[in-house]
Amino acid sequence: MKRLLNKISGSALFIILGIFSLNLYAATAQITPVGKWKTIDDVTGKPHSIIEISKVNDSLEGTITQIFWQKGDTKNCIKCTGEFYNKPVEGLKILWGFHYDGNKWVGGKILDPSNGKIYHATLQLNNNGEVLNVRGYIGIPLFGRTENWLRMS
């Protein structure tokens, strides 16, 4: 009987430790911006594009995979300069160089195809990873604006 209790106790302890390890892993697993995001037009409030963010080496980058075309949109980035000039907007890399720092991704850049300008940017997840706050700025984050992107996958 004592031997049976020892076996049960050992098995129960093993199960408890396994469950504890899984819970600890889940609690420390980092939710990331990797995936597809829907952007919303500030003026119309309608969906404007789908951005796919992926991990490349130790940083994040994002590409426009789909545009919901609106009046005034151009198919190519005609206001862009350098390597981005006149490239098709669909398929254009608009985010790059982000690395995780505490509770957000920093050190990156964002390209605004509507005006061709490149800004410093930060990314921060909210609402259990369902909303991505994308803050583009010049100089310091205080002087910028934030868009809220909605997770699709």
Foldseek 3Di string as FASTA:
>chain_A
DVVVVVVVVVVVVVVVVVVVVVVVCVVPDDQDLAAKWWFADPPPRHTAFIKGWDDDDQAIWIATQGGPDDPPDDQALCQADDPRHRHGRHGDTFKDDWHDDDAWTADMWGADSSRRDIFGWIWGADPVRQWIWIWGAHPDSVHTDTTIIGGDD
